[in-house]
C-alpha cells in the first residue's frame, strides 16, 4: 500500500475441501485465537464465494518476521530451546481454553440454518462449534455422504440438559465412532476391489486386491474396541484446539528470535485432548528408539576427533533427539 503497509490475499487451492467451510472456519478460528492472546494474522475481510470473482478468499494483515524454517537448521542449542519454550507457552495458553464441543469453529452466520452448532461460552453468541472442517471428512465422495460431521459434545448429559443445547452426546467414544461410521458409509456406497492404498500394506495382503468387505469387518471390530480405547481419566476428554500443521514453515520469528505469529490454521479441528496430544510431526523423532524412551540426549565424547562427515551425522542425530526430548 502507499503507506508502506502490506495486505495478503489468501485463496484456497482448487483441491481444497470443504472450500466454503474451510475458509469460514479459518476466519473464525483466527478471531478466537486473537481474542485469547495467540499471535495470528488479523483478517480484514473475507468471502465464502458469493462475490463477483466467484471464489472464496481472505484479506489479511501481513505479520512481521520470517518463517522459522529459514533459520531452523542453523540455530544453536540454546536458541532452539528458546523457540521451543515459546511454542510450548503458546500451546499452554491455547489449551487453557474450555471449548464446549469437538468440531471446528465458525461464525454462526456462515453455517446453513439447519447445521447443528454449539455456542462457545464467553463469545456472546458470535462464535460457535460446527462441523469438522478437516479434509478427511470431505475429500472424494465423502463430501456428498449424509453422515454426522459434528459438532460432538464431550461433557455429561446432565450438563447439556441444563444448558438446553440442541444435541447431547454423553462421551468422547462418539467422536471416534463417528470417524469409523463415516468410513463405513463410504465403503458401503463407493468401495471397490483394489490394491492396498498404502505401499507398506501390500506385502501383508500378498500383493493382491482387497475386498471392501474386509474393511467393513475391520471397522466393525474397531467400533467394538472403541470403549476400551477411550481413557477413563475424564480430564483428557476436554475438547482441545491445536494447530493443524505446527511446523517451522508456519511459525514467524523476528531477528531476535521472538515469535511474531503462527499462520495457516486452515482445516483446524477441536478434538478430545487424548486424540489431540502428540509431538508435532516437524519436531518429533519417533523413528529413533532413544527418542521414544525420552532419554536425555548427549553428544558423543569423541566428537572432536571424528571425521567431518561422521561428525556432521552425529550432530544432526543429536539435534533431532534434542528437539524431540
C-alpha atoms as a PDB file:
ATOM      1  CA  UNK A   1       0.000   0.000   0.000  1.00  0.00           C
ATOM      2  CA  UNK A   2       1.014   3.675  -0.400  1.00  0.00           C
ATOM      3  CA  UNK A   3       1.585   3.981   3.347  1.00  0.00           C
ATOM      4  CA  UNK A   4       4.014   1.061   3.344  1.00  0.00           C
ATOM      5  CA  UNK A   5       1.611  -1.455   4.881  1.00  0.00           C
ATOM      6  CA  UNK A   6       1.119  -4.887   3.319  1.00  0.00           C
ATOM      7  CA  UNK A   7      -2.028  -6.933   2.804  1.00  0.00           C
ATOM      8  CA  UNK A   8      -2.111 -10.627   1.879  1.00  0.00           C
ATOM      9  CA  UNK A   9      -4.831 -12.212  -0.236  1.00  0.00           C
ATOM     10  CA  UNK A  10      -5.277 -15.871   0.650  1.00  0.00           C
ATOM     11  CA  UNK A  11      -7.222 -18.152  -1.703  1.00  0.00           C
ATOM     12  CA  UNK A  12      -7.772 -21.898  -1.284  1.00  0.00           C
ATOM     13  CA  UNK A  13      -6.227 -24.349  -3.730  1.00  0.00           C
ATOM     14  CA  UNK A  14      -8.726 -25.795  -6.244  1.00  0.00           C
ATOM     15  CA  UNK A  15      -8.282 -29.131  -4.445  1.00  0.00           C
ATOM     16  CA  UNK A  16      -9.117 -27.686  -1.003  1.00  0.00           C
ATOM     17  CA  UNK A  17     -12.155 -29.312   0.607  1.00  0.00           C
ATOM     18  CA  UNK A  18     -14.528 -28.260   2.013  1.00  0.00           C
ATOM     19  CA  UNK A  19     -13.909 -24.968   0.204  1.00  0.00           C
ATOM     20  CA  UNK A  20     -16.572 -22.748   1.774  1.00  0.00           C
ATOM     21  CA  UNK A  21     -16.384 -24.205   5.266  1.00  0.00           C
ATOM     22  CA  UNK A  22     -12.563 -24.289   5.234  1.00  0.00           C
ATOM     23  CA  UNK A  23     -12.364 -20.528   4.664  1.00  0.00           C
ATOM     24  CA  UNK A  24     -15.235 -19.712   7.036  1.00  0.00           C
ATOM     25  CA  UNK A  25     -13.760 -21.847   9.806  1.00  0.00           C
ATOM     26  CA  UNK A  26     -10.221 -20.467   9.426  1.00  0.00           C
ATOM     27  CA  UNK A  27     -11.513 -16.881   9.689  1.00  0.00           C
ATOM     28  CA  UNK A  28     -13.497 -17.635  12.852  1.00  0.00           C
ATOM     29  CA  UNK A  29     -10.619 -19.671  14.324  1.00  0.00           C
ATOM     30  CA  UNK A  30      -8.202 -16.753  13.828  1.00  0.00           C
ATOM     31  CA  UNK A  31     -10.698 -14.460  15.586  1.00  0.00           C
ATOM     32  CA  UNK A  32     -10.942 -16.908  18.503  1.00  0.00           C
ATOM     33  CA  UNK A  33      -7.145 -17.194  18.728  1.00  0.00           C
ATOM     34  CA  UNK A  34      -6.531 -13.435  18.657  1.00  0.00           C
ATOM     35  CA  UNK A  35      -9.131 -12.936  21.376  1.00  0.00           C
ATOM     36  CA  UNK A  36      -7.228 -15.432  23.512  1.00  0.00           C
ATOM     37  CA  UNK A  37      -3.808 -13.820  23.081  1.00  0.00           C
ATOM     38  CA  UNK A  38      -2.332 -16.054  20.364  1.00  0.00           C
ATOM     39  CA  UNK A  39      -0.346 -14.036  17.769  1.00  0.00           C
ATOM     40  CA  UNK A  40      -2.091 -14.728  14.448  1.00  0.00           C
ATOM     41  CA  UNK A  41      -2.892 -12.520  11.420  1.00  0.00           C
ATOM     42  CA  UNK A  42      -5.884 -10.194  11.617  1.00  0.00           C
ATOM     43  CA  UNK A  43      -8.481 -10.854   8.904  1.00  0.00           C
ATOM     44  CA  UNK A  44      -9.505  -7.591   7.221  1.00  0.00           C
ATOM     45  CA  UNK A  45     -12.231  -9.091   5.057  1.00  0.00           C
ATOM     46  CA  UNK A  46     -13.280 -12.445   3.655  1.00  0.00           C
ATOM     47  CA  UNK A  47     -15.801 -14.101   1.382  1.00  0.00           C
ATOM     48  CA  UNK A  48     -17.115 -17.644   1.244  1.00  0.00           C
ATOM     49  CA  UNK A  49     -17.516 -17.476  -2.550  1.00  0.00           C
ATOM     50  CA  UNK A  50     -20.598 -15.321  -3.096  1.00  0.00           C
ATOM     51  CA  UNK A  51     -18.822 -12.496  -4.951  1.00  0.00           C
ATOM     52  CA  UNK A  52     -18.007 -11.222  -8.439  1.00  0.00           C
ATOM     53  CA  UNK A  53     -14.765 -13.205  -8.507  1.00  0.00           C
ATOM     54  CA  UNK A  54     -16.630 -16.424  -7.752  1.00  0.00           C
ATOM     55  CA  UNK A  55     -14.021 -17.773  -5.363  1.00  0.00           C
ATOM     56  CA  UNK A  56     -13.508 -17.908  -1.617  1.00  0.00           C
ATOM     57  CA  UNK A  57     -10.821 -15.581  -0.220  1.00  0.00           C
ATOM     58  CA  UNK A  58      -9.362 -13.914   2.866  1.00  0.00           C
ATOM     59  CA  UNK A  59      -7.705 -10.489   3.026  1.00  0.00           C
ATOM     60  CA  UNK A  60      -5.244 -10.470   5.912  1.00  0.00           C
ATOM     61  CA  UNK A  61      -2.658  -8.265   7.525  1.00  0.00           C
ATOM     62  CA  UNK A  62       0.917  -9.306   6.874  1.00  0.00           C
ATOM     63  CA  UNK A  63       2.690 -10.129  10.106  1.00  0.00           C
ATOM     64  CA  UNK A  64       6.323  -9.080  10.598  1.00  0.00           C
ATOM     65  CA  UNK A  65       9.072 -11.678  10.744  1.00  0.00           C
ATOM     66  CA  UNK A  66      10.312 -14.541   8.605  1.00  0.00           C
ATOM     67  CA  UNK A  67       9.480 -18.254   8.624  1.00  0.00           C
ATOM     68  CA  UNK A  68      11.338 -20.190  11.302  1.00  0.00           C
ATOM     69  CA  UNK A  69      12.195 -22.723   8.572  1.00  0.00           C
ATOM     70  CA  UNK A  70      14.631 -20.172   7.090  1.00  0.00           C
ATOM     71  CA  UNK A  71      16.927 -20.478  10.118  1.00  0.00           C
ATOM     72  CA  UNK A  72      15.755 -23.599  11.992  1.00  0.00           C
ATOM     73  CA  UNK A  73      18.659 -25.857  10.961  1.00  0.00           C
ATOM     74  CA  UNK A  74      21.274 -23.226  11.765  1.00  0.00           C
ATOM     75  CA  UNK A  75      20.195 -22.410  15.320  1.00  0.00           C
ATOM     76  CA  UNK A  76      22.398 -23.153  18.304  1.00  0.00           C
ATOM     77  CA  UNK A  77      21.064 -25.453  21.023  1.00  0.00           C
ATOM     78  CA  UNK A  78      20.238 -22.561  23.354  1.00  0.00           C
ATOM     79  CA  UNK A  79      18.354 -20.776  20.541  1.00  0.00           C
ATOM     80  CA  UNK A  80      16.354 -23.911  19.743  1.00  0.00           C
ATOM     81  CA  UNK A  81      15.377 -24.232  23.407  1.00  0.00           C
ATOM     82  CA  UNK A  82      14.252 -20.605  23.421  1.00  0.00           C
ATOM     83  CA  UNK A  83      11.997 -21.126  20.388  1.00  0.00           C
ATOM     84  CA  UNK A  84      10.579 -24.426  21.664  1.00  0.00           C
ATOM     85  CA  UNK A  85       9.784 -22.816  25.030  1.00  0.00           C
ATOM     86  CA  UNK A  86       7.848 -20.070  23.206  1.00  0.00           C
ATOM     87  CA  UNK A  87       5.895 -22.694  21.236  1.00  0.00           C
ATOM     88  CA  UNK A  88       5.032 -24.619  24.395  1.00  0.00           C
ATOM     89  CA  UNK A  89       3.963 -21.375  26.090  1.00  0.00           C
ATOM     90  CA  UNK A  90       1.576 -20.727  23.180  1.00  0.00           C
ATOM     91  CA  UNK A  91       0.079 -24.198  23.483  1.00  0.00           C
ATOM     92  CA  UNK A  92      -0.350 -23.846  27.260  1.00  0.00           C
ATOM     93  CA  UNK A  93      -2.333 -20.671  26.623  1.00  0.00           C
ATOM     94  CA  UNK A  94      -4.314 -22.389  23.878  1.00  0.00           C
ATOM     95  CA  UNK A  95      -5.111 -25.499  25.939  1.00  0.00           C
ATOM     96  CA  UNK A  96      -6.391 -23.374  28.834  1.00  0.00           C
ATOM     97  CA  UNK A  97      -9.494 -22.517  26.783  1.00  0.00           C
ATOM     98  CA  UNK A  98     -12.582 -24.518  27.664  1.00  0.00           C
ATOM     99  CA  UNK A  99     -14.440 -25.319  24.456  1.00  0.00           C
ATOM    100  CA  UNK A 100     -17.930 -26.839  24.616  1.00  0.00           C
ATOM    101  CA  UNK A 101     -17.653 -29.472  21.868  1.00  0.00           C
ATOM    102  CA  UNK A 102     -15.481 -31.176  19.284  1.00  0.00           C
ATOM    103  CA  UNK A 103     -15.701 -29.993  15.685  1.00  0.00           C
ATOM    104  CA  UNK A 104     -14.490 -26.732  14.112  1.00  0.00           C
ATOM    105  CA  UNK A 105     -15.028 -23.070  14.992  1.00  0.00           C
ATOM    106  CA  UNK A 106     -17.345 -20.800  12.941  1.00  0.00           C
ATOM    107  CA  UNK A 107     -19.320 -17.591  12.937  1.00  0.00           C
ATOM    108  CA  UNK A 108     -22.959 -18.747  13.164  1.00  0.00           C
ATOM    109  CA  UNK A 109     -23.822 -16.631  10.096  1.00  0.00           C
ATOM    110  CA  UNK A 110     -21.522 -18.768   7.926  1.00  0.00           C
ATOM    111  CA  UNK A 111     -23.346 -22.035   8.658  1.00  0.00           C
ATOM    112  CA  UNK A 112     -26.534 -23.115   6.881  1.00  0.00           C
ATOM    113  CA  UNK A 113     -29.538 -22.645   9.147  1.00  0.00           C
ATOM    114  CA  UNK A 114     -30.120 -26.390   9.572  1.00  0.00           C
ATOM    115  CA  UNK A 115     -26.477 -27.125  10.558  1.00  0.00           C
ATOM    116  CA  UNK A 116     -26.012 -28.348  14.168  1.00  0.00           C
ATOM    117  CA  UNK A 117     -23.957 -25.951  16.291  1.00  0.00           C
ATOM    118  CA  UNK A 118     -22.986 -25.274  19.899  1.00  0.00           C
ATOM    119  CA  UNK A 119     -22.326 -21.700  21.080  1.00  0.00           C
ATOM    120  CA  UNK A 120     -18.874 -21.013  22.526  1.00  0.00           C
ATOM    121  CA  UNK A 121     -19.252 -19.597  26.064  1.00  0.00           C
ATOM    122  CA  UNK A 122     -17.929 -16.062  26.501  1.00  0.00           C
ATOM    123  CA  UNK A 123     -18.275 -15.151  22.823  1.00  0.00           C
ATOM    124  CA  UNK A 124     -21.737 -13.544  23.233  1.00  0.00           C
ATOM    125  CA  UNK A 125     -23.056 -15.822  20.514  1.00  0.00           C
ATOM    126  CA  UNK A 126     -20.559 -14.575  17.909  1.00  0.00           C
ATOM    127  CA  UNK A 127     -18.673 -17.895  17.701  1.00  0.00           C
ATOM    128  CA  UNK A 128     -19.874 -21.477  17.717  1.00  0.00           C
ATOM    129  CA  UNK A 129     -18.720 -25.042  17.202  1.00  0.00           C
ATOM    130  CA  UNK A 130     -19.905 -26.599  13.953  1.00  0.00           C
ATOM    131  CA  UNK A 131     -18.973 -29.465  11.592  1.00  0.00           C
ATOM    132  CA  UNK A 132     -15.386 -30.687  11.270  1.00  0.00           C
ATOM    133  CA  UNK A 133     -13.592 -28.637   8.599  1.00  0.00           C
ATOM    134  CA  UNK A 134     -10.701 -31.107   8.263  1.00  0.00           C
ATOM    135  CA  UNK A 135     -10.298 -32.509   4.771  1.00  0.00           C
ATOM    136  CA  UNK A 136     -10.631 -36.171   5.761  1.00  0.00           C
ATOM    137  CA  UNK A 137     -14.388 -35.620   6.183  1.00  0.00           C
ATOM    138  CA  UNK A 138     -14.897 -34.139   2.715  1.00  0.00           C
ATOM    139  CA  UNK A 139     -12.482 -35.492   0.090  1.00  0.00           C
ATOM    140  CA  UNK A 140     -13.675 -37.639  -2.814  1.00  0.00           C
ATOM    141  CA  UNK A 141     -17.229 -38.914  -2.434  1.00  0.00           C
ATOM    142  CA  UNK A 142     -17.122 -38.282   1.336  1.00  0.00           C
ATOM    143  CA  UNK A 143     -18.324 -34.736   0.734  1.00  0.00           C
ATOM    144  CA  UNK A 144     -21.695 -35.919  -0.588  1.00  0.00           C
ATOM    145  CA  UNK A 145     -22.328 -38.570   2.068  1.00  0.00           C
ATOM    146  CA  UNK A 146     -25.113 -37.851   4.531  1.00  0.00           C
ATOM    147  CA  UNK A 147     -23.058 -38.502   7.683  1.00  0.00           C
ATOM    148  CA  UNK A 148     -22.814 -36.774  11.052  1.00  0.00           C
ATOM    149  CA  UNK A 149     -19.797 -34.433  10.938  1.00  0.00           C
ATOM    150  CA  UNK A 150     -20.312 -32.885  14.360  1.00  0.00           C
ATOM    151  CA  UNK A 151     -20.165 -30.890  16.480  1.00  0.00           C
ATOM    152  CA  UNK A 152     -19.643 -33.525  19.157  1.00  0.00           C
ATOM    153  CA  UNK A 153     -20.074 -32.596  22.785  1.00  0.00           C
ATOM    154  CA  UNK A 154     -17.998 -34.409  25.397  1.00  0.00           C
ATOM    155  CA  UNK A 155     -19.438 -33.361  28.721  1.00  0.00           C
ATOM    156  CA  UNK A 156     -22.097 -35.114  30.761  1.00  0.00           C
ATOM    157  CA  UNK A 157     -25.681 -35.457  29.548  1.00  0.00           C
ATOM    158  CA  UNK A 158     -26.954 -33.626  32.629  1.00  0.00           C
ATOM    159  CA  UNK A 159     -24.685 -30.648  31.891  1.00  0.00           C
ATOM    160  CA  UNK A 160     -26.156 -30.199  28.440  1.00  0.00           C
ATOM    161  CA  UNK A 161     -29.714 -30.729  29.566  1.00  0.00           C
ATOM    162  CA  UNK A 162     -29.185 -27.815  31.962  1.00  0.00           C
ATOM    163  CA  UNK A 163     -27.858 -25.658  29.119  1.00  0.00           C
ATOM    164  CA  UNK A 164     -30.733 -26.777  26.839  1.00  0.00           C
ATOM    165  CA  UNK A 165     -28.427 -27.366  23.868  1.00  0.00           C
ATOM    166  CA  UNK A 166     -29.646 -28.939  20.671  1.00  0.00           C
ATOM    167  CA  UNK A 167     -27.636 -32.146  20.767  1.00  0.00           C
ATOM    168  CA  UNK A 168     -26.364 -34.339  23.581  1.00  0.00           C
ATOM    169  CA  UNK A 169     -23.579 -36.909  23.300  1.00  0.00           C
ATOM    170  CA  UNK A 170     -22.526 -38.500  26.568  1.00  0.00           C
ATOM    171  CA  UNK A 171     -18.824 -39.141  25.976  1.00  0.00           C
ATOM    172  CA  UNK A 172     -15.884 -38.973  23.542  1.00  0.00           C
ATOM    173  CA  UNK A 173     -16.437 -42.551  22.354  1.00  0.00           C
ATOM    174  CA  UNK A 174     -18.837 -40.992  19.865  1.00  0.00           C
ATOM    175  CA  UNK A 175     -16.063 -38.800  18.421  1.00  0.00           C
ATOM    176  CA  UNK A 176     -14.096 -41.942  17.496  1.00  0.00           C
ATOM    177  CA  UNK A 177     -17.223 -43.799  16.411  1.00  0.00           C
ATOM    178  CA  UNK A 178     -18.313 -41.025  14.022  1.00  0.00           C
ATOM    179  CA  UNK A 179     -14.997 -41.248  12.121  1.00  0.00           C
ATOM    180  CA  UNK A 180     -15.373 -45.004  11.716  1.00  0.00           C
ATOM    181  CA  UNK A 181     -19.024 -44.760  10.700  1.00  0.00           C
ATOM    182  CA  UNK A 182     -18.122 -42.146   8.079  1.00  0.00           C
ATOM    183  CA  UNK A 183     -15.668 -44.625   6.512  1.00  0.00           C
ATOM    184  CA  UNK A 184     -18.205 -47.450   6.726  1.00  0.00           C
ATOM    185  CA  UNK A 185     -20.750 -45.326   4.872  1.00  0.00           C
ATOM    186  CA  UNK A 186     -18.183 -44.559   2.162  1.00  0.00           C
ATOM    187  CA  UNK A 187     -17.097 -48.193   1.741  1.00  0.00           C
ATOM    188  CA  UNK A 188     -20.664 -49.473   1.508  1.00  0.00           C
ATOM    189  CA  UNK A 189     -21.550 -46.957  -1.194  1.00  0.00           C
ATOM    190  CA  UNK A 190     -18.310 -46.462  -3.134  1.00  0.00           C
ATOM    191  CA  UNK A 191     -15.885 -49.211  -2.092  1.00  0.00           C
ATOM    192  CA  UNK A 192     -14.455 -51.408  -4.816  1.00  0.00           C
ATOM    193  CA  UNK A 193     -11.873 -54.169  -5.026  1.00  0.00           C
ATOM    194  CA  UNK A 194      -8.397 -52.687  -5.462  1.00  0.00           C
ATOM    195  CA  UNK A 195      -4.775 -52.937  -4.397  1.00  0.00           C
ATOM    196  CA  UNK A 196      -3.810 -51.564  -0.950  1.00  0.00           C
ATOM    197  CA  UNK A 197      -3.523 -47.782  -0.996  1.00  0.00           C
ATOM    198  CA  UNK A 198      -0.534 -47.789   1.369  1.00  0.00           C
ATOM    199  CA  UNK A 199       2.531 -49.474  -0.090  1.00  0.00           C
ATOM    200  CA  UNK A 200       3.640 -50.901   3.259  1.00  0.00           C
ATOM    201  CA  UNK A 201       0.414 -52.952   3.448  1.00  0.00           C
ATOM    202  CA  UNK A 202       0.886 -54.585   0.057  1.00  0.00           C
ATOM    203  CA  UNK A 203       3.132 -57.382   1.358  1.00  0.00           C
ATOM    204  CA  UNK A 204       0.831 -58.292   4.245  1.00  0.00           C
ATOM    205  CA  UNK A 205      -2.026 -58.647   1.755  1.00  0.00           C
ATOM    206  CA  UNK A 206       0.069 -60.806  -0.572  1.00  0.00           C
ATOM    207  CA  UNK A 207       0.121 -58.103  -3.269  1.00  0.00           C
ATOM    208  CA  UNK A 208      -3.490 -58.967  -4.077  1.00  0.00           C
ATOM    209  CA  UNK A 209      -6.500 -56.731  -4.444  1.00  0.00           C
ATOM    210  CA  UNK A 210      -8.563 -56.250  -1.310  1.00  0.00           C
ATOM    211  CA  UNK A 211     -12.284 -56.840  -0.981  1.00  0.00           C
ATOM    212  CA  UNK A 212     -14.149 -53.823   0.514  1.00  0.00           C
ATOM    213  CA  UNK A 213     -15.936 -56.262   2.821  1.00  0.00           C
ATOM    214  CA  UNK A 214     -12.608 -56.922   4.554  1.00  0.00           C
ATOM    215  CA  UNK A 215     -12.519 -53.249   5.535  1.00  0.00           C
ATOM    216  CA  UNK A 216     -16.135 -53.378   6.660  1.00  0.00           C
ATOM    217  CA  UNK A 217     -15.311 -56.247   9.030  1.00  0.00           C
ATOM    218  CA  UNK A 218     -12.182 -54.471  10.313  1.00  0.00           C
ATOM    219  CA  UNK A 219     -14.071 -51.248  11.000  1.00  0.00           C
ATOM    220  CA  UNK A 220     -16.796 -53.238  12.749  1.00  0.00           C
ATOM    221  CA  UNK A 221     -14.136 -54.737  15.027  1.00  0.00           C
ATOM    222  CA  UNK A 222     -12.678 -51.266  15.626  1.00  0.00           C
ATOM    223  CA  UNK A 223     -16.060 -49.847  16.634  1.00  0.00           C
ATOM    224  CA  UNK A 224     -16.428 -52.650  19.192  1.00  0.00           C
ATOM    225  CA  UNK A 225     -12.956 -51.812  20.566  1.00  0.00           C
ATOM    226  CA  UNK A 226     -13.630 -48.084  20.963  1.00  0.00           C
ATOM    227  CA  UNK A 227     -15.000 -48.265  24.552  1.00  0.00           C
ATOM    228  CA  UNK A 228     -11.710 -49.874  25.606  1.00  0.00           C
ATOM    229  CA  UNK A 229      -9.548 -47.286  23.783  1.00  0.00           C
ATOM    230  CA  UNK A 230     -11.009 -44.185  25.453  1.00  0.00           C
ATOM    231  CA  UNK A 231      -9.044 -43.242  28.609  1.00  0.00           C
ATOM    232  CA  UNK A 232     -11.022 -43.457  31.833  1.00  0.00           C
ATOM    233  CA  UNK A 233      -9.484 -40.214  33.110  1.00  0.00           C
ATOM    234  CA  UNK A 234     -12.094 -37.589  32.173  1.00  0.00           C
ATOM    235  CA  UNK A 235      -9.515 -34.787  32.364  1.00  0.00           C
ATOM    236  CA  UNK A 236      -8.155 -35.897  28.975  1.00  0.00           C
ATOM    237  CA  UNK A 237     -11.601 -35.775  27.347  1.00  0.00           C
ATOM    238  CA  UNK A 238     -11.642 -31.959  27.236  1.00  0.00           C
ATOM    239  CA  UNK A 239     -12.205 -30.568  23.694  1.00  0.00           C
ATOM    240  CA  UNK A 240      -8.840 -29.156  22.612  1.00  0.00           C
ATOM    241  CA  UNK A 241      -7.763 -26.962  19.701  1.00  0.00           C
ATOM    242  CA  UNK A 242      -4.267 -27.398  18.267  1.00  0.00           C
ATOM    243  CA  UNK A 243      -2.554 -26.030  15.195  1.00  0.00           C
ATOM    244  CA  UNK A 244      -3.251 -28.476  12.327  1.00  0.00           C
ATOM    245  CA  UNK A 245       0.335 -28.223  10.981  1.00  0.00           C
ATOM    246  CA  UNK A 246       2.663 -26.791  13.622  1.00  0.00           C
ATOM    247  CA  UNK A 247       5.885 -26.740  11.611  1.00  0.00           C
ATOM    248  CA  UNK A 248       8.731 -24.214  11.179  1.00  0.00           C
ATOM    249  CA  UNK A 249       7.109 -23.098   7.906  1.00  0.00           C
ATOM    250  CA  UNK A 250       4.093 -21.810   9.833  1.00  0.00           C
ATOM    251  CA  UNK A 251       5.929 -20.023  12.653  1.00  0.00           C
ATOM    252  CA  UNK A 252       7.160 -16.460  12.059  1.00  0.00           C
ATOM    253  CA  UNK A 253      10.099 -15.104  14.074  1.00  0.00           C
ATOM    254  CA  UNK A 254      11.891 -11.765  14.399  1.00  0.00           C
ATOM    255  CA  UNK A 255      15.646 -11.254  14.093  1.00  0.00           C
ATOM    256  CA  UNK A 256      15.968 -11.555  17.890  1.00  0.00           C
ATOM    257  CA  UNK A 257      14.074 -14.909  17.826  1.00  0.00           C
ATOM    258  CA  UNK A 258      10.779 -13.670  19.209  1.00  0.00           C
ATOM    259  CA  UNK A 259       7.743 -15.420  17.704  1.00  0.00           C
ATOM    260  CA  UNK A 260       5.693 -12.857  15.795  1.00  0.00           C
ATOM    261  CA  UNK A 261       2.925 -15.146  14.617  1.00  0.00           C
ATOM    262  CA  UNK A 262       1.515 -18.594  13.936  1.00  0.00           C
ATOM    263  CA  UNK A 263      -0.005 -18.867  10.456  1.00  0.00           C
ATOM    264  CA  UNK A 264      -2.025 -21.298   8.297  1.00  0.00           C
ATOM    265  CA  UNK A 265      -4.837 -22.558  10.554  1.00  0.00           C
ATOM    266  CA  UNK A 266      -6.846 -23.991   7.643  1.00  0.00           C
ATOM    267  CA  UNK A 267      -8.630 -27.275   8.481  1.00  0.00           C
ATOM    268  CA  UNK A 268      -8.297 -26.696  12.242  1.00  0.00           C
ATOM    269  CA  UNK A 269     -10.396 -29.010  14.373  1.00  0.00           C
ATOM    270  CA  UNK A 270     -11.160 -29.423  18.057  1.00  0.00           C
ATOM    271  CA  UNK A 271     -10.689 -32.962  19.389  1.00  0.00           C
ATOM    272  CA  UNK A 272     -10.655 -34.620  22.822  1.00  0.00           C
ATOM    273  CA  UNK A 273      -7.292 -33.901  24.438  1.00  0.00           C
ATOM    274  CA  UNK A 274      -6.195 -37.551  24.277  1.00  0.00           C
ATOM    275  CA  UNK A 275      -6.613 -37.500  20.477  1.00  0.00           C
ATOM    276  CA  UNK A 276      -5.016 -34.076  20.036  1.00  0.00           C
ATOM    277  CA  UNK A 277      -1.989 -34.955  22.193  1.00  0.00           C
ATOM    278  CA  UNK A 278       1.207 -35.562  20.247  1.00  0.00           C
ATOM    279  CA  UNK A 279       4.593 -34.066  19.438  1.00  0.00           C
ATOM    280  CA  UNK A 280       4.086 -32.121  16.174  1.00  0.00           C
ATOM    281  CA  UNK A 281       5.489 -34.134  13.276  1.00  0.00           C
ATOM    282  CA  UNK A 282       8.062 -31.458  12.379  1.00  0.00           C
ATOM    283  CA  UNK A 283       9.656 -31.770  15.836  1.00  0.00           C
ATOM    284  CA  UNK A 284       9.144 -35.480  16.526  1.00  0.00           C
ATOM    285  CA  UNK A 285      11.759 -38.217  16.187  1.00  0.00           C
ATOM    286  CA  UNK A 286       9.696 -41.327  16.921  1.00  0.00           C
ATOM    287  CA  UNK A 287      11.669 -43.493  14.484  1.00  0.00           C
ATOM    288  CA  UNK A 288      14.601 -43.381  16.901  1.00  0.00           C
ATOM    289  CA  UNK A 289      14.474 -45.789  19.861  1.00  0.00           C
ATOM    290  CA  UNK A 290      16.400 -43.450  22.164  1.00  0.00           C
ATOM    291  CA  UNK A 291      13.937 -40.644  21.459  1.00  0.00           C
ATOM    292  CA  UNK A 292      10.971 -42.921  22.169  1.00  0.00           C
ATOM    293  CA  UNK A 293      12.413 -43.717  25.600  1.00  0.00           C
ATOM    294  CA  UNK A 294      12.761 -39.977  26.390  1.00  0.00           C
ATOM    295  CA  UNK A 295      16.394 -40.435  27.325  1.00  0.00           C
ATOM    296  CA  UNK A 296      18.148 -37.080  27.607  1.00  0.00           C
ATOM    297  CA  UNK A 297      20.455 -36.980  24.555  1.00  0.00           C
ATOM    298  CA  UNK A 298      24.187 -36.331  24.706  1.00  0.00           C
ATOM    299  CA  UNK A 299      26.791 -35.698  22.034  1.00  0.00           C
ATOM    300  CA  UNK A 300      29.465 -38.430  21.636  1.00  0.00           C
ATOM    301  CA  UNK A 301      32.516 -37.859  23.820  1.00  0.00           C
ATOM    302  CA  UNK A 302      34.824 -38.417  20.833  1.00  0.00           C
ATOM    303  CA  UNK A 303      33.017 -35.798  18.684  1.00  0.00           C
ATOM    304  CA  UNK A 304      36.128 -33.566  18.259  1.00  0.00           C
ATOM    305  CA  UNK A 305      38.168 -36.446  16.804  1.00  0.00           C
ATOM    306  CA  UNK A 306      35.507 -37.617  14.332  1.00  0.00           C
ATOM    307  CA  UNK A 307      35.886 -37.216  10.593  1.00  0.00           C
ATOM    308  CA  UNK A 308      33.912 -34.307   9.143  1.00  0.00           C
ATOM    309  CA  UNK A 309      31.090 -36.412   7.631  1.00  0.00           C
ATOM    310  CA  UNK A 310      30.815 -38.608  10.733  1.00  0.00           C
ATOM    311  CA  UNK A 311      30.721 -35.553  12.988  1.00  0.00           C
ATOM    312  CA  UNK A 312      28.004 -33.886  10.897  1.00  0.00           C
ATOM    313  CA  UNK A 313      25.908 -37.069  11.102  1.00  0.00           C
ATOM    314  CA  UNK A 314      26.339 -37.282  14.907  1.00  0.00           C
ATOM    315  CA  UNK A 315      25.415 -33.601  15.335  1.00  0.00           C
ATOM    316  CA  UNK A 316      22.286 -33.979  13.194  1.00  0.00           C
ATOM    317  CA  UNK A 317      21.179 -37.057  15.159  1.00  0.00           C
ATOM    318  CA  UNK A 318      21.711 -35.128  18.392  1.00  0.00           C
ATOM    319  CA  UNK A 319      19.735 -32.175  17.015  1.00  0.00           C
ATOM    320  CA  UNK A 320      16.723 -34.388  16.193  1.00  0.00           C
ATOM    321  CA  UNK A 321      16.893 -36.174  19.546  1.00  0.00           C
ATOM    322  CA  UNK A 322      17.278 -32.920  21.444  1.00  0.00           C
ATOM    323  CA  UNK A 323      14.241 -31.310  19.777  1.00  0.00           C
ATOM    324  CA  UNK A 324      12.108 -34.392  20.482  1.00  0.00           C
ATOM    325  CA  UNK A 325      13.265 -34.530  24.116  1.00  0.00           C
END
